[in-house]
Amino acid sequence: MKTGLKMAGAAAFLFGVYLYTNKETPEAFAKRVRKSFRVKKQAYSDWKVAYEDFKQALNKFKDQIPELEKVLIALQRDIDEAQFQIQPRIDEINKYSSKINKP
């Protein structure tokens, strides 16, 4: 019991020193703490909403991955086909350009 009273007394003393050094009244301290708590509570609430929105967006993205894979495969096939059709022309251009560059 004595230890508890000593600790409470020490805490009250340190609180008084804190208020004195910051030139703050107990009422102003309480208002500042309440305001800070409300701001942090609102920030946490905003973060939770943003996190839930992110999880929903991530789930939608995961649902679209099979479609994305199909599109990428089709795109790669089109690129390969275009390269196959263009390659003979590139070879001809390189052949003529190498003739032009020779002295």
C-alpha atoms as a PDB file:
ATOM      1  CA  MET A   1       0.000   0.000   0.000  1.00  0.00           C
ATOM      2  CA  LYS A   2       2.787   2.406   0.927  1.00  0.00           C
ATOM      3  CA  THR A   3       4.589   1.637  -2.333  1.00  0.00           C
ATOM      4  CA  GLY A   4       1.436   2.393  -4.313  1.00  0.00           C
ATOM      5  CA  LEU A   5       1.015   5.728  -2.537  1.00  0.00           C
ATOM      6  CA  LYS A   6       4.661   6.581  -3.119  1.00  0.00           C
ATOM      7  CA  MET A   7       4.318   5.781  -6.813  1.00  0.00           C
ATOM      8  CA  ALA A   8       1.132   7.847  -7.098  1.00  0.00           C
ATOM      9  CA  GLY A   9       2.819  10.733  -5.286  1.00  0.00           C
ATOM     10  CA  ALA A  10       5.857  10.525  -7.551  1.00  0.00           C
ATOM     11  CA  ALA A  11       3.615  10.441 -10.628  1.00  0.00           C
ATOM     12  CA  ALA A  12       1.677  13.473  -9.400  1.00  0.00           C
ATOM     13  CA  PHE A  13       4.931  15.309  -8.707  1.00  0.00           C
ATOM     14  CA  LEU A  14       6.313  14.510 -12.175  1.00  0.00           C
ATOM     15  CA  PHE A  15       3.022  15.558 -13.757  1.00  0.00           C
ATOM     16  CA  GLY A  16       3.196  18.845 -11.888  1.00  0.00           C
ATOM     17  CA  VAL A  17       6.788  19.390 -13.041  1.00  0.00           C
ATOM     18  CA  TYR A  18       5.753  18.631 -16.616  1.00  0.00           C
ATOM     19  CA  LEU A  19       2.885  21.133 -16.466  1.00  0.00           C
ATOM     20  CA  TYR A  20       5.116  23.774 -14.870  1.00  0.00           C
ATOM     21  CA  THR A  21       7.924  23.396 -17.434  1.00  0.00           C
ATOM     22  CA  ASN A  22       5.458  23.569 -20.324  1.00  0.00           C
ATOM     23  CA  LYS A  23       3.550  26.462 -18.703  1.00  0.00           C
ATOM     24  CA  GLU A  24       0.291  24.575 -19.141  1.00  0.00           C
ATOM     25  CA  THR A  25      -2.741  24.295 -16.893  1.00  0.00           C
ATOM     26  CA  PRO A  26      -4.287  20.912 -16.140  1.00  0.00           C
ATOM     27  CA  GLU A  27      -7.391  21.954 -18.107  1.00  0.00           C
ATOM     28  CA  ALA A  28      -5.304  22.915 -21.161  1.00  0.00           C
ATOM     29  CA  PHE A  29      -3.406  19.633 -20.872  1.00  0.00           C
ATOM     30  CA  ALA A  30      -6.661  17.666 -20.712  1.00  0.00           C
ATOM     31  CA  LYS A  31      -8.062  19.543 -23.743  1.00  0.00           C
ATOM     32  CA  ARG A  32      -4.865  18.934 -25.707  1.00  0.00           C
ATOM     33  CA  VAL A  33      -4.879  15.238 -24.833  1.00  0.00           C
ATOM     34  CA  ARG A  34      -8.563  14.886 -25.783  1.00  0.00           C
ATOM     35  CA  LYS A  35      -7.984  16.698 -29.090  1.00  0.00           C
ATOM     36  CA  SER A  36      -4.927  14.591 -29.845  1.00  0.00           C
ATOM     37  CA  PHE A  37      -6.878  11.434 -29.025  1.00  0.00           C
ATOM     38  CA  ARG A  38      -9.732  12.451 -31.348  1.00  0.00           C
ATOM     39  CA  VAL A  39      -7.303  13.231 -34.177  1.00  0.00           C
ATOM     40  CA  LYS A  40      -5.523   9.891 -33.768  1.00  0.00           C
ATOM     41  CA  LYS A  41      -8.833   8.036 -33.508  1.00  0.00           C
ATOM     42  CA  GLN A  42     -10.011   9.668 -36.749  1.00  0.00           C
ATOM     43  CA  ALA A  43      -6.698   8.870 -38.462  1.00  0.00           C
ATOM     44  CA  TYR A  44      -6.999   5.249 -37.377  1.00  0.00           C
ATOM     45  CA  SER A  45     -10.560   5.121 -38.665  1.00  0.00           C
ATOM     46  CA  ASP A  46      -9.447   6.583 -42.005  1.00  0.00           C
ATOM     47  CA  TRP A  47      -6.627   4.056 -42.178  1.00  0.00           C
ATOM     48  CA  LYS A  48      -9.028   1.160 -41.538  1.00  0.00           C
ATOM     49  CA  VAL A  49     -11.307   2.355 -44.353  1.00  0.00           C
ATOM     50  CA  ALA A  50      -8.351   2.741 -46.715  1.00  0.00           C
ATOM     51  CA  TYR A  51      -7.088  -0.722 -45.765  1.00  0.00           C
ATOM     52  CA  GLU A  52     -10.476  -2.308 -46.447  1.00  0.00           C
ATOM     53  CA  ASP A  53     -10.660  -0.494 -49.798  1.00  0.00           C
ATOM     54  CA  PHE A  54      -7.184  -1.781 -50.628  1.00  0.00           C
ATOM     55  CA  LYS A  55      -8.163  -5.359 -49.754  1.00  0.00           C
ATOM     56  CA  GLN A  56     -11.242  -5.116 -51.978  1.00  0.00           C
ATOM     57  CA  ALA A  57      -9.204  -3.705 -54.861  1.00  0.00           C
ATOM     58  CA  LEU A  58      -6.603  -6.446 -54.420  1.00  0.00           C
ATOM     59  CA  ASN A  59      -9.311  -9.119 -54.515  1.00  0.00           C
ATOM     60  CA  LYS A  60     -10.752  -7.599 -57.699  1.00  0.00           C
ATOM     61  CA  PHE A  61      -7.267  -7.575 -59.218  1.00  0.00           C
ATOM     62  CA  LYS A  62      -6.747 -11.234 -58.288  1.00  0.00           C
ATOM     63  CA  ASP A  63     -10.062 -12.072 -59.945  1.00  0.00           C
ATOM     64  CA  GLN A  64      -8.841 -10.428 -63.161  1.00  0.00           C
ATOM     65  CA  ILE A  65      -5.492 -12.255 -63.314  1.00  0.00           C
ATOM     66  CA  PRO A  66      -6.752 -15.140 -65.510  1.00  0.00           C
ATOM     67  CA  GLU A  67      -8.139 -12.640 -68.027  1.00  0.00           C
ATOM     68  CA  LEU A  68      -4.880 -10.705 -67.906  1.00  0.00           C
ATOM     69  CA  GLU A  69      -2.920 -13.889 -68.620  1.00  0.00           C
ATOM     70  CA  LYS A  70      -5.100 -14.575 -71.673  1.00  0.00           C
ATOM     71  CA  VAL A  71      -4.495 -11.057 -72.959  1.00  0.00           C
ATOM     72  CA  LEU A  72      -0.733 -11.321 -72.417  1.00  0.00           C
ATOM     73  CA  ILE A  73      -0.575 -14.652 -74.239  1.00  0.00           C
ATOM     74  CA  ALA A  74      -2.564 -13.232 -77.173  1.00  0.00           C
ATOM     75  CA  LEU A  75      -0.374 -10.141 -77.235  1.00  0.00           C
ATOM     76  CA  GLN A  76       2.820 -12.219 -77.236  1.00  0.00           C
ATOM     77  CA  ARG A  77       1.425 -14.362 -80.058  1.00  0.00           C
ATOM     78  CA  ASP A  78       0.658 -11.224 -82.096  1.00  0.00           C
ATOM     79  CA  ILE A  79       4.151  -9.846 -81.458  1.00  0.00           C
ATOM     80  CA  ASP A  80       5.773 -13.119 -82.494  1.00  0.00           C
ATOM     81  CA  GLU A  81       3.684 -13.218 -85.664  1.00  0.00           C
ATOM     82  CA  ALA A  82       4.594  -9.635 -86.515  1.00  0.00           C
ATOM     83  CA  GLN A  83       8.288 -10.342 -85.969  1.00  0.00           C
ATOM     84  CA  PHE A  84       8.044 -13.435 -88.174  1.00  0.00           C
ATOM     85  CA  GLN A  85       6.487 -11.367 -90.964  1.00  0.00           C
ATOM     86  CA  ILE A  86       8.918  -8.451 -90.581  1.00  0.00           C
ATOM     87  CA  GLN A  87      12.139 -10.457 -90.230  1.00  0.00           C
ATOM     88  CA  PRO A  88      12.725 -11.074 -93.999  1.00  0.00           C
ATOM     89  CA  ARG A  89      12.374  -7.336 -94.663  1.00  0.00           C
ATOM     90  CA  ILE A  90      14.789  -6.493 -91.845  1.00  0.00           C
ATOM     91  CA  ASP A  91      17.279  -8.988 -93.280  1.00  0.00           C
ATOM     92  CA  GLU A  92      17.028  -7.315 -96.714  1.00  0.00           C
ATOM     93  CA  ILE A  93      17.490  -3.859 -95.178  1.00  0.00           C
ATOM     94  CA  ASN A  94      20.539  -5.055 -93.239  1.00  0.00           C
ATOM     95  CA  LYS A  95      22.008  -6.633 -96.387  1.00  0.00           C
ATOM     96  CA  TYR A  96      21.668  -3.365 -98.360  1.00  0.00           C
ATOM     97  CA  SER A  97      22.884  -1.209 -95.498  1.00  0.00           C
ATOM     98  CA  SER A  98      25.983  -3.370 -95.057  1.00  0.00           C
ATOM     99  CA  LYS A  99      26.712  -2.972 -98.827  1.00  0.00           C
ATOM    100  CA  ILE A 100      26.344   0.802 -98.509  1.00  0.00           C
ATOM    101  CA  ASN A 101      28.631   0.977 -95.456  1.00  0.00           C
ATOM    102  CA  LYS A 102      31.470  -0.985 -97.164  1.00  0.00           C
ATOM    103  CA  PRO A 103      34.081   1.277 -98.767  1.00  0.00           C
END
